[in-house]
């Protein structure tokens, strides 16, 4: 929403963008911690969170070249940089969506096989032969 609103060349839209960004930031860190704990477990929460924040910090260093390109190559127009960032930001959303859909298929398969009853929490490790390779227990 913030990325799309920032593309609108209107002062009122920019005020709405600022408000949406402020609201987004208020919930961001709680959602990140909850998501990581739910998807990867509490044992790896610190490592995964640290990795996510480190990657975000490195990506944030691209802010300086982006500012240079905005001023010198695009003559002050933020549209090309904002559109590029919007495209790149949609990639993790697509990856997480695909991961979640794959997990739902595994759960549905387990339910059909009688391994998991309705309302019961499934342990995906028993149905996923590659789980231990991708998420080793440390």
C-alpha atoms as a PDB file:
ATOM      1  CA  UNK A   1       0.000   0.000   0.000  1.00  0.00           C
ATOM      2  CA  UNK A   2       2.774   2.422   0.914  1.00  0.00           C
ATOM      3  CA  UNK A   3       4.684   1.677  -2.285  1.00  0.00           C
ATOM      4  CA  UNK A   4       1.622   2.148  -4.460  1.00  0.00           C
ATOM      5  CA  UNK A   5       0.540   5.346  -2.690  1.00  0.00           C
ATOM      6  CA  UNK A   6       4.021   6.810  -3.060  1.00  0.00           C
ATOM      7  CA  UNK A   7       3.704   6.568  -6.844  1.00  0.00           C
ATOM      8  CA  UNK A   8       0.720   8.943  -6.901  1.00  0.00           C
ATOM      9  CA  UNK A   9       1.914  12.515  -7.661  1.00  0.00           C
ATOM     10  CA  UNK A  10      -0.431  14.306  -5.260  1.00  0.00           C
ATOM     11  CA  UNK A  11       0.206  16.085  -1.962  1.00  0.00           C
ATOM     12  CA  UNK A  12      -2.881  14.458  -0.396  1.00  0.00           C
ATOM     13  CA  UNK A  13      -1.698  11.026  -1.519  1.00  0.00           C
ATOM     14  CA  UNK A  14       1.720  11.722  -0.022  1.00  0.00           C
ATOM     15  CA  UNK A  15       0.103  12.598   3.321  1.00  0.00           C
ATOM     16  CA  UNK A  16      -1.834   9.317   3.149  1.00  0.00           C
ATOM     17  CA  UNK A  17       1.461   7.564   2.317  1.00  0.00           C
ATOM     18  CA  UNK A  18       3.094   9.070   5.391  1.00  0.00           C
ATOM     19  CA  UNK A  19       0.187   7.956   7.616  1.00  0.00           C
ATOM     20  CA  UNK A  20       0.192   4.446   6.137  1.00  0.00           C
ATOM     21  CA  UNK A  21       3.949   4.154   6.584  1.00  0.00           C
ATOM     22  CA  UNK A  22       3.725   5.303  10.220  1.00  0.00           C
ATOM     23  CA  UNK A  23       1.006   2.720  10.920  1.00  0.00           C
ATOM     24  CA  UNK A  24       2.995   0.056   9.086  1.00  0.00           C
ATOM     25  CA  UNK A  25       6.114   0.709  11.158  1.00  0.00           C
ATOM     26  CA  UNK A  26       4.130   0.417  14.384  1.00  0.00           C
ATOM     27  CA  UNK A  27       3.216  -3.202  13.606  1.00  0.00           C
ATOM     28  CA  UNK A  28       6.261  -4.292  11.605  1.00  0.00           C
ATOM     29  CA  UNK A  29       8.542  -5.603  14.341  1.00  0.00           C
ATOM     30  CA  UNK A  30       5.828  -7.534  16.161  1.00  0.00           C
ATOM     31  CA  UNK A  31       4.683  -9.176  12.949  1.00  0.00           C
ATOM     32  CA  UNK A  32       8.255 -10.100  11.992  1.00  0.00           C
ATOM     33  CA  UNK A  33       8.948 -11.766  15.345  1.00  0.00           C
ATOM     34  CA  UNK A  34       5.604 -13.590  15.341  1.00  0.00           C
ATOM     35  CA  UNK A  35       6.033 -14.814  11.773  1.00  0.00           C
ATOM     36  CA  UNK A  36       9.579 -16.057  12.335  1.00  0.00           C
ATOM     37  CA  UNK A  37       8.655 -17.797  15.593  1.00  0.00           C
ATOM     38  CA  UNK A  38       5.643 -19.470  13.971  1.00  0.00           C
ATOM     39  CA  UNK A  39       7.374 -20.587  10.788  1.00  0.00           C
ATOM     40  CA  UNK A  40      10.851 -21.475  12.075  1.00  0.00           C
ATOM     41  CA  UNK A  41      10.384 -22.111  15.792  1.00  0.00           C
ATOM     42  CA  UNK A  42      11.677 -20.432  18.911  1.00  0.00           C
ATOM     43  CA  UNK A  43      15.032 -22.221  18.787  1.00  0.00           C
ATOM     44  CA  UNK A  44      16.091 -20.258  15.694  1.00  0.00           C
ATOM     45  CA  UNK A  45      14.184 -17.018  16.336  1.00  0.00           C
ATOM     46  CA  UNK A  46      17.275 -14.965  17.236  1.00  0.00           C
ATOM     47  CA  UNK A  47      19.389 -16.200  14.335  1.00  0.00           C
ATOM     48  CA  UNK A  48      16.672 -15.730  11.734  1.00  0.00           C
ATOM     49  CA  UNK A  49      15.691 -12.298  13.083  1.00  0.00           C
ATOM     50  CA  UNK A  50      19.341 -11.214  13.093  1.00  0.00           C
ATOM     51  CA  UNK A  51      19.773 -12.459   9.536  1.00  0.00           C
ATOM     52  CA  UNK A  52      16.644 -10.624   8.371  1.00  0.00           C
ATOM     53  CA  UNK A  53      17.747  -7.353   9.979  1.00  0.00           C
ATOM     54  CA  UNK A  54      21.295  -7.718   8.630  1.00  0.00           C
ATOM     55  CA  UNK A  55      20.024  -8.283   5.089  1.00  0.00           C
ATOM     56  CA  UNK A  56      17.698  -5.284   5.476  1.00  0.00           C
ATOM     57  CA  UNK A  57      20.624  -3.141   6.652  1.00  0.00           C
ATOM     58  CA  UNK A  58      22.762  -4.126   3.678  1.00  0.00           C
ATOM     59  CA  UNK A  59      19.880  -3.414   1.290  1.00  0.00           C
ATOM     60  CA  UNK A  60      19.381  -0.066   3.028  1.00  0.00           C
ATOM     61  CA  UNK A  61      22.870   0.921   1.851  1.00  0.00           C
ATOM     62  CA  UNK A  62      21.370   1.114  -1.658  1.00  0.00           C
ATOM     63  CA  UNK A  63      19.599   4.265  -0.495  1.00  0.00           C
ATOM     64  CA  UNK A  64      22.601   6.427  -1.398  1.00  0.00           C
ATOM     65  CA  UNK A  65      22.972   5.235  -5.011  1.00  0.00           C
ATOM     66  CA  UNK A  66      19.181   5.478  -5.388  1.00  0.00           C
ATOM     67  CA  UNK A  67      19.275   9.115  -4.261  1.00  0.00           C
ATOM     68  CA  UNK A  68      22.118   9.812  -6.680  1.00  0.00           C
ATOM     69  CA  UNK A  69      20.199   8.240  -9.569  1.00  0.00           C
ATOM     70  CA  UNK A  70      17.035  10.136  -8.640  1.00  0.00           C
ATOM     71  CA  UNK A  71      18.827  13.486  -8.705  1.00  0.00           C
ATOM     72  CA  UNK A  72      21.204  12.956 -11.643  1.00  0.00           C
ATOM     73  CA  UNK A  73      19.689  10.340 -13.959  1.00  0.00           C
ATOM     74  CA  UNK A  74      15.960  10.816 -13.439  1.00  0.00           C
ATOM     75  CA  UNK A  75      16.030  14.616 -12.916  1.00  0.00           C
ATOM     76  CA  UNK A  76      14.410  14.510  -9.484  1.00  0.00           C
ATOM     77  CA  UNK A  77      11.666  12.003 -10.348  1.00  0.00           C
ATOM     78  CA  UNK A  78      11.315   9.307  -7.688  1.00  0.00           C
ATOM     79  CA  UNK A  79       8.960   7.232  -9.858  1.00  0.00           C
ATOM     80  CA  UNK A  80      11.560   4.872 -11.441  1.00  0.00           C
ATOM     81  CA  UNK A  81      13.292   4.111  -8.123  1.00  0.00           C
ATOM     82  CA  UNK A  82      10.002   3.653  -6.249  1.00  0.00           C
ATOM     83  CA  UNK A  83       8.608   1.368  -8.946  1.00  0.00           C
ATOM     84  CA  UNK A  84      11.803  -0.706  -8.889  1.00  0.00           C
ATOM     85  CA  UNK A  85      11.667  -1.026  -5.101  1.00  0.00           C
ATOM     86  CA  UNK A  86       8.005  -2.045  -5.311  1.00  0.00           C
ATOM     87  CA  UNK A  87       8.861  -4.834  -7.753  1.00  0.00           C
ATOM     88  CA  UNK A  88      11.741  -6.100  -5.613  1.00  0.00           C
ATOM     89  CA  UNK A  89       9.637  -5.937  -2.436  1.00  0.00           C
ATOM     90  CA  UNK A  90       6.984  -8.146  -4.024  1.00  0.00           C
ATOM     91  CA  UNK A  91       9.468 -11.018  -4.490  1.00  0.00           C
ATOM     92  CA  UNK A  92       9.597 -12.045  -0.791  1.00  0.00           C
ATOM     93  CA  UNK A  93       5.806 -11.830  -0.650  1.00  0.00           C
ATOM     94  CA  UNK A  94       5.560 -14.274  -3.551  1.00  0.00           C
ATOM     95  CA  UNK A  95       8.122 -16.624  -1.958  1.00  0.00           C
ATOM     96  CA  UNK A  96       6.333 -16.663   1.410  1.00  0.00           C
ATOM     97  CA  UNK A  97       2.981 -17.205  -0.305  1.00  0.00           C
ATOM     98  CA  UNK A  98       4.375 -20.159  -2.268  1.00  0.00           C
ATOM     99  CA  UNK A  99       5.934 -21.598   0.910  1.00  0.00           C
ATOM    100  CA  UNK A 100       2.635 -21.288   2.795  1.00  0.00           C
ATOM    101  CA  UNK A 101       0.646 -22.889  -0.045  1.00  0.00           C
ATOM    102  CA  UNK A 102       3.099 -25.788  -0.163  1.00  0.00           C
ATOM    103  CA  UNK A 103       2.709 -26.315   3.586  1.00  0.00           C
ATOM    104  CA  UNK A 104      -1.086 -26.283   3.278  1.00  0.00           C
ATOM    105  CA  UNK A 105      -0.861 -28.986   0.609  1.00  0.00           C
ATOM    106  CA  UNK A 106       1.296 -31.106   2.926  1.00  0.00           C
ATOM    107  CA  UNK A 107      -1.227 -30.644   5.732  1.00  0.00           C
ATOM    108  CA  UNK A 108      -4.135 -31.523   3.438  1.00  0.00           C
ATOM    109  CA  UNK A 109      -2.308 -34.647   2.250  1.00  0.00           C
ATOM    110  CA  UNK A 110      -1.660 -35.679   5.852  1.00  0.00           C
ATOM    111  CA  UNK A 111      -5.296 -35.079   6.739  1.00  0.00           C
ATOM    112  CA  UNK A 112      -6.480 -37.255   3.837  1.00  0.00           C
ATOM    113  CA  UNK A 113      -4.088 -40.024   4.917  1.00  0.00           C
ATOM    114  CA  UNK A 114      -5.557 -39.870   8.398  1.00  0.00           C
ATOM    115  CA  UNK A 115      -2.368 -38.598   9.994  1.00  0.00           C
ATOM    116  CA  UNK A 116      -3.902 -35.406  11.295  1.00  0.00           C
ATOM    117  CA  UNK A 117      -7.394 -34.944  12.651  1.00  0.00           C
ATOM    118  CA  UNK A 118      -9.365 -31.729  12.291  1.00  0.00           C
ATOM    119  CA  UNK A 119      -8.205 -29.146  14.821  1.00  0.00           C
ATOM    120  CA  UNK A 120      -5.006 -31.059  15.573  1.00  0.00           C
ATOM    121  CA  UNK A 121      -1.668 -29.369  15.011  1.00  0.00           C
ATOM    122  CA  UNK A 122       0.458 -31.152  12.430  1.00  0.00           C
ATOM    123  CA  UNK A 123       4.182 -31.607  12.796  1.00  0.00           C
ATOM    124  CA  UNK A 124       5.320 -31.084   9.215  1.00  0.00           C
ATOM    125  CA  UNK A 125       8.627 -32.821   9.897  1.00  0.00           C
ATOM    126  CA  UNK A 126       6.948 -36.222   9.806  1.00  0.00           C
ATOM    127  CA  UNK A 127       5.512 -35.629   6.321  1.00  0.00           C
ATOM    128  CA  UNK A 128       8.369 -33.739   4.725  1.00  0.00           C
ATOM    129  CA  UNK A 129      11.375 -35.915   3.927  1.00  0.00           C
ATOM    130  CA  UNK A 130      13.604 -32.903   3.213  1.00  0.00           C
ATOM    131  CA  UNK A 131      12.714 -31.046   6.428  1.00  0.00           C
ATOM    132  CA  UNK A 132      15.826 -32.101   8.334  1.00  0.00           C
ATOM    133  CA  UNK A 133      18.046 -31.082   5.418  1.00  0.00           C
ATOM    134  CA  UNK A 134      16.560 -27.598   5.184  1.00  0.00           C
ATOM    135  CA  UNK A 135      16.051 -26.954   8.908  1.00  0.00           C
ATOM    136  CA  UNK A 136      18.685 -28.866  10.871  1.00  0.00           C
ATOM    137  CA  UNK A 137      18.227 -28.986  14.626  1.00  0.00           C
ATOM    138  CA  UNK A 138      21.109 -27.163  16.279  1.00  0.00           C
END
